[in-house]
């Protein structure tokens, strides 16, 4: 399994930060890499929420069905999707830090069904790009949360 983690200090309380991060209906207004979101489940953001997310990846549009597979309000949530024989879990964690919030995003890529060892060179190759994309997403959200 390959794991990439990025963190940032956001100058806003946990409740506000968590609310902004989980507002998937408006995420395209806040995260430049996400081009379109189609919510597939009714109701607010929580366990079982699903949506189709289209991102720009390496200059191309790529869509994936996302699902919230773990959820603890104002603390953490996990988004899971499957792509090309891999399971991808992205864990978002929110911790009070002074008057603000420490946000951590952990991306985990796990082989599911590919021959053993096949994913290893690919996962190492994409780890740097994943770190860059997550860092950009986190910086975009930091700006959004702090200015609102």
C-alpha atoms as a PDB file:
ATOM      1  CA  UNK A   1       0.000   0.000   0.000  1.00  0.00           C
ATOM      2  CA  UNK A   2       1.229   3.468  -0.870  1.00  0.00           C
ATOM      3  CA  UNK A   3       0.328   6.343   1.452  1.00  0.00           C
ATOM      4  CA  UNK A   4       0.739  10.094   0.954  1.00  0.00           C
ATOM      5  CA  UNK A   5      -0.128  12.640   3.668  1.00  0.00           C
ATOM      6  CA  UNK A   6      -0.394  16.421   3.542  1.00  0.00           C
ATOM      7  CA  UNK A   7      -1.286  18.774   6.406  1.00  0.00           C
ATOM      8  CA  UNK A   8      -2.096  22.435   6.856  1.00  0.00           C
ATOM      9  CA  UNK A   9      -3.019  24.846   9.618  1.00  0.00           C
ATOM     10  CA  UNK A  10      -6.261  26.700   8.801  1.00  0.00           C
ATOM     11  CA  UNK A  11      -7.132  29.878  10.659  1.00  0.00           C
ATOM     12  CA  UNK A  12     -10.752  28.956  11.390  1.00  0.00           C
ATOM     13  CA  UNK A  13     -12.523  26.822  14.000  1.00  0.00           C
ATOM     14  CA  UNK A  14     -13.007  23.083  13.406  1.00  0.00           C
ATOM     15  CA  UNK A  15     -16.794  23.330  12.951  1.00  0.00           C
ATOM     16  CA  UNK A  16     -16.511  25.912  10.154  1.00  0.00           C
ATOM     17  CA  UNK A  17     -13.563  24.139   8.500  1.00  0.00           C
ATOM     18  CA  UNK A  18     -15.322  20.757   8.534  1.00  0.00           C
ATOM     19  CA  UNK A  19     -18.530  22.304   7.144  1.00  0.00           C
ATOM     20  CA  UNK A  20     -16.651  23.896   4.226  1.00  0.00           C
ATOM     21  CA  UNK A  21     -14.715  20.703   3.405  1.00  0.00           C
ATOM     22  CA  UNK A  22     -17.913  18.637   3.337  1.00  0.00           C
ATOM     23  CA  UNK A  23     -19.882  21.036   1.121  1.00  0.00           C
ATOM     24  CA  UNK A  24     -19.396  18.898  -1.993  1.00  0.00           C
ATOM     25  CA  UNK A  25     -22.169  20.668  -3.935  1.00  0.00           C
ATOM     26  CA  UNK A  26     -19.957  23.786  -4.088  1.00  0.00           C
ATOM     27  CA  UNK A  27     -16.489  22.199  -4.174  1.00  0.00           C
ATOM     28  CA  UNK A  28     -15.908  23.190  -7.818  1.00  0.00           C
ATOM     29  CA  UNK A  29     -16.043  26.824  -6.672  1.00  0.00           C
ATOM     30  CA  UNK A  30     -13.281  26.194  -4.131  1.00  0.00           C
ATOM     31  CA  UNK A  31     -10.921  23.541  -5.548  1.00  0.00           C
ATOM     32  CA  UNK A  32      -9.452  24.408  -8.942  1.00  0.00           C
ATOM     33  CA  UNK A  33      -8.595  20.790  -9.865  1.00  0.00           C
ATOM     34  CA  UNK A  34     -12.193  19.576  -9.471  1.00  0.00           C
ATOM     35  CA  UNK A  35     -14.168  20.437 -12.598  1.00  0.00           C
ATOM     36  CA  UNK A  36     -17.587  18.844 -11.943  1.00  0.00           C
ATOM     37  CA  UNK A  37     -19.525  17.090  -9.170  1.00  0.00           C
ATOM     38  CA  UNK A  38     -22.788  15.194  -9.603  1.00  0.00           C
ATOM     39  CA  UNK A  39     -24.286  14.225  -6.231  1.00  0.00           C
ATOM     40  CA  UNK A  40     -25.913  10.778  -6.434  1.00  0.00           C
ATOM     41  CA  UNK A  41     -27.506  10.512  -2.976  1.00  0.00           C
ATOM     42  CA  UNK A  42     -30.102  12.793  -1.352  1.00  0.00           C
ATOM     43  CA  UNK A  43     -29.565  14.570   1.953  1.00  0.00           C
ATOM     44  CA  UNK A  44     -26.478  16.110   3.476  1.00  0.00           C
ATOM     45  CA  UNK A  45     -22.914  14.867   3.601  1.00  0.00           C
ATOM     46  CA  UNK A  46     -22.473  11.764   5.764  1.00  0.00           C
ATOM     47  CA  UNK A  47     -21.833   8.036   5.791  1.00  0.00           C
ATOM     48  CA  UNK A  48     -22.911   6.569   2.439  1.00  0.00           C
ATOM     49  CA  UNK A  49     -22.964   9.864   0.515  1.00  0.00           C
ATOM     50  CA  UNK A  50     -21.965   9.196  -3.120  1.00  0.00           C
ATOM     51  CA  UNK A  51     -21.055  11.497  -5.992  1.00  0.00           C
ATOM     52  CA  UNK A  52     -19.369  11.446  -9.373  1.00  0.00           C
ATOM     53  CA  UNK A  53     -16.315  13.705  -9.352  1.00  0.00           C
ATOM     54  CA  UNK A  54     -14.516  14.893 -12.474  1.00  0.00           C
ATOM     55  CA  UNK A  55     -10.978  16.234 -12.045  1.00  0.00           C
ATOM     56  CA  UNK A  56      -8.265  17.447 -14.279  1.00  0.00           C
ATOM     57  CA  UNK A  57      -5.385  14.970 -13.933  1.00  0.00           C
ATOM     58  CA  UNK A  58      -2.209  15.478 -15.963  1.00  0.00           C
ATOM     59  CA  UNK A  59      -4.086  17.705 -18.405  1.00  0.00           C
ATOM     60  CA  UNK A  60      -6.957  15.248 -18.940  1.00  0.00           C
ATOM     61  CA  UNK A  61     -10.414  14.954 -17.403  1.00  0.00           C
ATOM     62  CA  UNK A  62     -10.928  11.861 -15.232  1.00  0.00           C
ATOM     63  CA  UNK A  63     -14.140  10.873 -13.428  1.00  0.00           C
ATOM     64  CA  UNK A  64     -14.596   8.594 -10.432  1.00  0.00           C
ATOM     65  CA  UNK A  65     -17.508   7.611  -8.218  1.00  0.00           C
ATOM     66  CA  UNK A  66     -16.743   8.636  -4.649  1.00  0.00           C
ATOM     67  CA  UNK A  67     -18.362   7.327  -1.469  1.00  0.00           C
ATOM     68  CA  UNK A  68     -18.095   8.390   2.171  1.00  0.00           C
ATOM     69  CA  UNK A  69     -17.147   5.127   3.931  1.00  0.00           C
ATOM     70  CA  UNK A  70     -16.383   6.524   7.408  1.00  0.00           C
ATOM     71  CA  UNK A  71     -17.751   9.650   9.066  1.00  0.00           C
ATOM     72  CA  UNK A  72     -17.421  11.347  12.446  1.00  0.00           C
ATOM     73  CA  UNK A  73     -18.820  14.881  12.349  1.00  0.00           C
ATOM     74  CA  UNK A  74     -16.249  17.632  12.951  1.00  0.00           C
ATOM     75  CA  UNK A  75     -13.450  15.048  13.368  1.00  0.00           C
ATOM     76  CA  UNK A  76     -12.857  12.822  10.338  1.00  0.00           C
ATOM     77  CA  UNK A  77     -14.267  11.236   7.207  1.00  0.00           C
ATOM     78  CA  UNK A  78     -13.022   8.807   4.570  1.00  0.00           C
ATOM     79  CA  UNK A  79     -13.764   8.932   0.865  1.00  0.00           C
ATOM     80  CA  UNK A  80     -13.290   5.671  -1.036  1.00  0.00           C
ATOM     81  CA  UNK A  81     -13.204   4.981  -4.753  1.00  0.00           C
ATOM     82  CA  UNK A  82     -11.881   2.256  -7.032  1.00  0.00           C
ATOM     83  CA  UNK A  83      -9.748   2.821 -10.109  1.00  0.00           C
ATOM     84  CA  UNK A  84      -7.895   0.419 -12.437  1.00  0.00           C
ATOM     85  CA  UNK A  85      -7.570  -2.460  -9.973  1.00  0.00           C
ATOM     86  CA  UNK A  86      -6.818  -0.258  -6.981  1.00  0.00           C
ATOM     87  CA  UNK A  87      -8.820   0.840  -3.954  1.00  0.00           C
ATOM     88  CA  UNK A  88      -8.190   4.437  -2.952  1.00  0.00           C
ATOM     89  CA  UNK A  89      -9.071   5.706   0.523  1.00  0.00           C
ATOM     90  CA  UNK A  90      -8.637   9.387   1.300  1.00  0.00           C
ATOM     91  CA  UNK A  91      -8.928  10.194   5.002  1.00  0.00           C
ATOM     92  CA  UNK A  92      -9.598  13.778   6.097  1.00  0.00           C
ATOM     93  CA  UNK A  93      -8.867  14.585   9.768  1.00  0.00           C
ATOM     94  CA  UNK A  94      -9.644  17.826  11.632  1.00  0.00           C
ATOM     95  CA  UNK A  95      -8.028  18.701  14.992  1.00  0.00           C
ATOM     96  CA  UNK A  96      -8.346  21.872  17.050  1.00  0.00           C
ATOM     97  CA  UNK A  97      -5.044  23.738  17.038  1.00  0.00           C
ATOM     98  CA  UNK A  98      -4.981  26.992  18.977  1.00  0.00           C
ATOM     99  CA  UNK A  99      -7.813  29.104  17.560  1.00  0.00           C
ATOM    100  CA  UNK A 100      -7.672  27.236  14.253  1.00  0.00           C
ATOM    101  CA  UNK A 101      -7.749  23.752  12.801  1.00  0.00           C
ATOM    102  CA  UNK A 102      -5.022  21.332  11.762  1.00  0.00           C
ATOM    103  CA  UNK A 103      -6.235  19.482   8.663  1.00  0.00           C
ATOM    104  CA  UNK A 104      -4.569  16.274   7.492  1.00  0.00           C
ATOM    105  CA  UNK A 105      -5.368  14.456   4.277  1.00  0.00           C
ATOM    106  CA  UNK A 106      -4.036  10.910   3.894  1.00  0.00           C
ATOM    107  CA  UNK A 107      -4.271   9.214   0.494  1.00  0.00           C
ATOM    108  CA  UNK A 108      -3.928   5.419   0.533  1.00  0.00           C
ATOM    109  CA  UNK A 109      -3.617   3.306  -2.623  1.00  0.00           C
ATOM    110  CA  UNK A 110      -4.169  -0.444  -2.199  1.00  0.00           C
ATOM    111  CA  UNK A 111      -3.833  -3.139  -4.871  1.00  0.00           C
ATOM    112  CA  UNK A 112      -7.046  -5.080  -5.458  1.00  0.00           C
ATOM    113  CA  UNK A 113      -6.893  -7.774  -8.074  1.00  0.00           C
ATOM    114  CA  UNK A 114      -3.719  -6.886  -9.945  1.00  0.00           C
ATOM    115  CA  UNK A 115      -0.812  -9.353  -9.897  1.00  0.00           C
ATOM    116  CA  UNK A 116       1.372  -8.872  -6.781  1.00  0.00           C
ATOM    117  CA  UNK A 117       4.070  -6.275  -7.264  1.00  0.00           C
ATOM    118  CA  UNK A 118       2.551  -4.792 -10.428  1.00  0.00           C
ATOM    119  CA  UNK A 119       1.199  -1.709  -8.697  1.00  0.00           C
ATOM    120  CA  UNK A 120       4.367  -0.973  -6.688  1.00  0.00           C
ATOM    121  CA  UNK A 121       6.387   0.860  -9.385  1.00  0.00           C
ATOM    122  CA  UNK A 122       3.288   2.744 -10.532  1.00  0.00           C
ATOM    123  CA  UNK A 123       2.354   3.799  -7.001  1.00  0.00           C
ATOM    124  CA  UNK A 124       5.847   5.137  -6.322  1.00  0.00           C
ATOM    125  CA  UNK A 125       5.760   7.039  -9.604  1.00  0.00           C
ATOM    126  CA  UNK A 126       2.445   8.719  -8.804  1.00  0.00           C
ATOM    127  CA  UNK A 127       3.154   9.463  -5.121  1.00  0.00           C
ATOM    128  CA  UNK A 128       4.850  12.771  -5.940  1.00  0.00           C
ATOM    129  CA  UNK A 129       2.011  13.844  -8.223  1.00  0.00           C
ATOM    130  CA  UNK A 130      -0.576  12.842  -5.604  1.00  0.00           C
ATOM    131  CA  UNK A 131       1.267  14.901  -2.976  1.00  0.00           C
ATOM    132  CA  UNK A 132       1.213  17.901  -5.340  1.00  0.00           C
ATOM    133  CA  UNK A 133      -2.516  17.523  -6.154  1.00  0.00           C
ATOM    134  CA  UNK A 134      -3.502  17.059  -2.497  1.00  0.00           C
ATOM    135  CA  UNK A 135      -1.330  20.011  -1.503  1.00  0.00           C
ATOM    136  CA  UNK A 136      -3.015  22.197  -4.134  1.00  0.00           C
ATOM    137  CA  UNK A 137      -6.491  21.053  -3.038  1.00  0.00           C
ATOM    138  CA  UNK A 138      -5.641  21.770   0.597  1.00  0.00           C
ATOM    139  CA  UNK A 139      -4.215  25.213  -0.251  1.00  0.00           C
ATOM    140  CA  UNK A 140      -7.376  26.030  -2.241  1.00  0.00           C
ATOM    141  CA  UNK A 141      -9.585  25.008   0.690  1.00  0.00           C
ATOM    142  CA  UNK A 142      -7.415  26.922   3.173  1.00  0.00           C
ATOM    143  CA  UNK A 143      -7.912  30.126   1.135  1.00  0.00           C
ATOM    144  CA  UNK A 144     -11.665  29.467   0.845  1.00  0.00           C
ATOM    145  CA  UNK A 145     -12.222  28.745   4.542  1.00  0.00           C
ATOM    146  CA  UNK A 146     -10.098  31.651   5.766  1.00  0.00           C
ATOM    147  CA  UNK A 147     -11.736  34.230   3.488  1.00  0.00           C
ATOM    148  CA  UNK A 148     -15.352  33.230   4.233  1.00  0.00           C
END
